[in-house]
Amino acid sequence: MAERVIITLACSVCKNRNYYFDRGKKQEGKLALKKFCKNCGKRTDHKKTK
């Protein structure tokens, strides 16, 4: 079974870390999704953070 790592997504507007999920370790690269931010009250881009 492949190793899994936990990815944290942060809002690009307010920088609040809202979403966490796991992903395969071999999948490298930038990740950006449109998700709903509770602080902003709208859908914004959420990017992968450390």
C-alpha atoms as a PDB file:
ATOM      1  CA  MET A   1       0.000   0.000   0.000  1.00  0.00           C
ATOM      2  CA  ALA A   2       1.323   3.428  -0.928  1.00  0.00           C
ATOM      3  CA  GLU A   3       2.136   5.960   1.761  1.00  0.00           C
ATOM      4  CA  ARG A   4      -0.378   8.722   2.368  1.00  0.00           C
ATOM      5  CA  VAL A   5       0.309  12.301   3.433  1.00  0.00           C
ATOM      6  CA  ILE A   6      -2.090  14.834   4.901  1.00  0.00           C
ATOM      7  CA  ILE A   7      -2.576  17.934   2.747  1.00  0.00           C
ATOM      8  CA  THR A   8      -3.791  21.239   4.188  1.00  0.00           C
ATOM      9  CA  LEU A   9      -5.644  23.734   2.004  1.00  0.00           C
ATOM     10  CA  ALA A  10      -5.643  27.436   2.892  1.00  0.00           C
ATOM     11  CA  CYS A  11      -7.847  30.188   1.497  1.00  0.00           C
ATOM     12  CA  SER A  12      -5.951  32.453  -0.890  1.00  0.00           C
ATOM     13  CA  VAL A  13      -7.864  35.541   0.354  1.00  0.00           C
ATOM     14  CA  CYS A  14      -7.856  35.300   4.170  1.00  0.00           C
ATOM     15  CA  LYS A  15      -5.142  32.586   4.564  1.00  0.00           C
ATOM     16  CA  ASN A  16      -7.385  30.548   6.885  1.00  0.00           C
ATOM     17  CA  ARG A  17      -6.671  26.793   6.810  1.00  0.00           C
ATOM     18  CA  ASN A  18     -10.063  25.211   6.171  1.00  0.00           C
ATOM     19  CA  TYR A  19      -9.678  21.793   4.557  1.00  0.00           C
ATOM     20  CA  TYR A  20      -7.592  18.688   5.269  1.00  0.00           C
ATOM     21  CA  PHE A  21      -7.410  15.471   3.268  1.00  0.00           C
ATOM     22  CA  ASP A  22      -4.930  12.733   2.467  1.00  0.00           C
ATOM     23  CA  ARG A  23      -3.189  12.080  -0.801  1.00  0.00           C
ATOM     24  CA  GLY A  24      -0.673   9.599  -2.185  1.00  0.00           C
ATOM     25  CA  LYS A  25       2.955  10.522  -1.570  1.00  0.00           C
ATOM     26  CA  LYS A  26       3.903  10.001  -5.235  1.00  0.00           C
ATOM     27  CA  GLN A  27       1.469  12.706  -6.424  1.00  0.00           C
ATOM     28  CA  GLU A  28       3.631  15.812  -6.353  1.00  0.00           C
ATOM     29  CA  GLY A  29       2.792  19.239  -7.651  1.00  0.00           C
ATOM     30  CA  LYS A  30       0.681  22.251  -6.833  1.00  0.00           C
ATOM     31  CA  LEU A  31      -2.895  21.776  -5.794  1.00  0.00           C
ATOM     32  CA  ALA A  32      -5.545  24.494  -6.032  1.00  0.00           C
ATOM     33  CA  LEU A  33      -9.286  23.952  -5.699  1.00  0.00           C
ATOM     34  CA  LYS A  34     -12.300  26.236  -5.489  1.00  0.00           C
ATOM     35  CA  LYS A  35     -13.835  25.640  -2.059  1.00  0.00           C
ATOM     36  CA  PHE A  36     -16.203  27.516   0.233  1.00  0.00           C
ATOM     37  CA  CYS A  37     -14.485  29.636   2.911  1.00  0.00           C
ATOM     38  CA  LYS A  38     -16.495  30.179   6.112  1.00  0.00           C
ATOM     39  CA  ASN A  39     -14.571  33.364   6.977  1.00  0.00           C
ATOM     40  CA  CYS A  40     -14.971  35.020   3.572  1.00  0.00           C
ATOM     41  CA  GLY A  41     -18.491  33.666   3.015  1.00  0.00           C
ATOM     42  CA  LYS A  42     -17.857  32.803  -0.643  1.00  0.00           C
ATOM     43  CA  ARG A  43     -16.093  30.332  -2.922  1.00  0.00           C
ATOM     44  CA  THR A  44     -12.403  31.118  -3.281  1.00  0.00           C
ATOM     45  CA  ASP A  45      -9.268  29.353  -4.457  1.00  0.00           C
ATOM     46  CA  HIS A  46      -7.697  27.181  -1.774  1.00  0.00           C
ATOM     47  CA  LYS A  47      -4.058  26.255  -2.236  1.00  0.00           C
ATOM     48  CA  LYS A  48      -1.846  23.585  -0.739  1.00  0.00           C
ATOM     49  CA  THR A  49       0.147  24.713   2.304  1.00  0.00           C
ATOM     50  CA  LYS A  50       2.730  23.085   4.537  1.00  0.00           C
END
